[in-house]
Amino acid sequence: MQHKFYDVKTKQHVTTEVLECVTFKSEKRTSYAFKGKTADGRNLFSFVNKEVWDKANK
């Protein structure tokens, strides 16, 4: 699945393959994110809502 990430280093949006669907849990809430990589190997994260995360995680 392809997703649009924001690359902080180059300050532009990059569309790349989603490598992993991850969650970050705290006492009060759960955050959902996609993990990807740039062409030169840097990690990218994009926080998404639960509905988008559920669709991709099927």
C-alpha atoms as a PDB file:
ATOM      1  CA  MET A   1       0.000   0.000   0.000  1.00  0.00           C
ATOM      2  CA  GLN A   2       1.260   3.465  -0.883  1.00  0.00           C
ATOM      3  CA  HIS A   3       0.911   6.413   1.508  1.00  0.00           C
ATOM      4  CA  LYS A   4       1.980  10.056   1.505  1.00  0.00           C
ATOM      5  CA  PHE A   5       4.573  10.889   4.187  1.00  0.00           C
ATOM      6  CA  TYR A   6       6.151  14.227   5.081  1.00  0.00           C
ATOM      7  CA  ASP A   7       9.956  14.128   4.872  1.00  0.00           C
ATOM      8  CA  VAL A   8      11.239  16.547   7.522  1.00  0.00           C
ATOM      9  CA  LYS A   9      14.779  16.669   6.159  1.00  0.00           C
ATOM     10  CA  THR A  10      13.784  17.684   2.615  1.00  0.00           C
ATOM     11  CA  LYS A  11      10.617  19.529   3.761  1.00  0.00           C
ATOM     12  CA  GLN A  12       8.378  17.948   1.148  1.00  0.00           C
ATOM     13  CA  HIS A  13       5.785  15.199   0.802  1.00  0.00           C
ATOM     14  CA  VAL A  14       6.950  11.795  -0.406  1.00  0.00           C
ATOM     15  CA  THR A  15       4.770   8.891  -1.522  1.00  0.00           C
ATOM     16  CA  THR A  16       6.260   5.529  -0.601  1.00  0.00           C
ATOM     17  CA  GLU A  17       5.306   2.013   0.416  1.00  0.00           C
ATOM     18  CA  VAL A  18       3.925   1.409   3.928  1.00  0.00           C
ATOM     19  CA  LEU A  19       6.262  -1.085   5.602  1.00  0.00           C
ATOM     20  CA  GLU A  20       4.471  -1.473   8.907  1.00  0.00           C
ATOM     21  CA  CYS A  21       1.335  -0.410  10.781  1.00  0.00           C
ATOM     22  CA  VAL A  22       2.309   0.538  14.341  1.00  0.00           C
ATOM     23  CA  THR A  23       0.554   1.708  17.504  1.00  0.00           C
ATOM     24  CA  PHE A  24       1.825   3.866  20.335  1.00  0.00           C
ATOM     25  CA  LYS A  25      -0.026   3.323  23.613  1.00  0.00           C
ATOM     26  CA  SER A  26      -0.112   5.512  26.686  1.00  0.00           C
ATOM     27  CA  GLU A  27      -2.340   5.444  29.747  1.00  0.00           C
ATOM     28  CA  LYS A  28      -4.912   7.763  28.186  1.00  0.00           C
ATOM     29  CA  ARG A  29      -4.868   7.034  24.443  1.00  0.00           C
ATOM     30  CA  THR A  30      -3.605   4.967  21.552  1.00  0.00           C
ATOM     31  CA  SER A  31      -2.024   6.552  18.472  1.00  0.00           C
ATOM     32  CA  TYR A  32      -1.913   4.830  15.092  1.00  0.00           C
ATOM     33  CA  ALA A  33       0.834   5.320  12.512  1.00  0.00           C
ATOM     34  CA  PHE A  34       2.344   4.029   9.292  1.00  0.00           C
ATOM     35  CA  LYS A  35       6.065   3.420   8.966  1.00  0.00           C
ATOM     36  CA  GLY A  36       7.950   3.803   5.679  1.00  0.00           C
ATOM     37  CA  LYS A  37      11.448   4.481   4.349  1.00  0.00           C
ATOM     38  CA  THR A  38      12.903   7.043   1.981  1.00  0.00           C
ATOM     39  CA  ALA A  39      14.986   6.056  -1.042  1.00  0.00           C
ATOM     40  CA  ASP A  40      18.166   6.709   0.965  1.00  0.00           C
ATOM     41  CA  GLY A  41      16.990   4.572   3.925  1.00  0.00           C
ATOM     42  CA  ARG A  42      15.700   7.141   6.432  1.00  0.00           C
ATOM     43  CA  ASN A  43      12.605   6.224   8.472  1.00  0.00           C
ATOM     44  CA  LEU A  44       9.307   8.012   7.927  1.00  0.00           C
ATOM     45  CA  PHE A  45       6.231   8.032  10.174  1.00  0.00           C
ATOM     46  CA  SER A  46       2.744   9.262   9.425  1.00  0.00           C
ATOM     47  CA  PHE A  47       0.078   9.379  12.116  1.00  0.00           C
ATOM     48  CA  VAL A  48      -3.381   8.366  10.871  1.00  0.00           C
ATOM     49  CA  ASN A  49      -6.808   7.847  12.374  1.00  0.00           C
ATOM     50  CA  LYS A  50      -8.042   4.432  13.495  1.00  0.00           C
ATOM     51  CA  GLU A  51     -10.306   3.862  10.477  1.00  0.00           C
ATOM     52  CA  VAL A  52      -7.444   4.317   7.971  1.00  0.00           C
ATOM     53  CA  TRP A  53      -5.141   2.165  10.133  1.00  0.00           C
ATOM     54  CA  ASP A  54      -7.771  -0.610  10.352  1.00  0.00           C
ATOM     55  CA  LYS A  55      -8.253  -0.640   6.549  1.00  0.00           C
ATOM     56  CA  ALA A  56      -4.512  -0.955   5.935  1.00  0.00           C
ATOM     57  CA  ASN A  57      -3.956  -3.518   8.684  1.00  0.00           C
ATOM     58  CA  LYS A  58      -6.410  -6.091   7.226  1.00  0.00           C
END
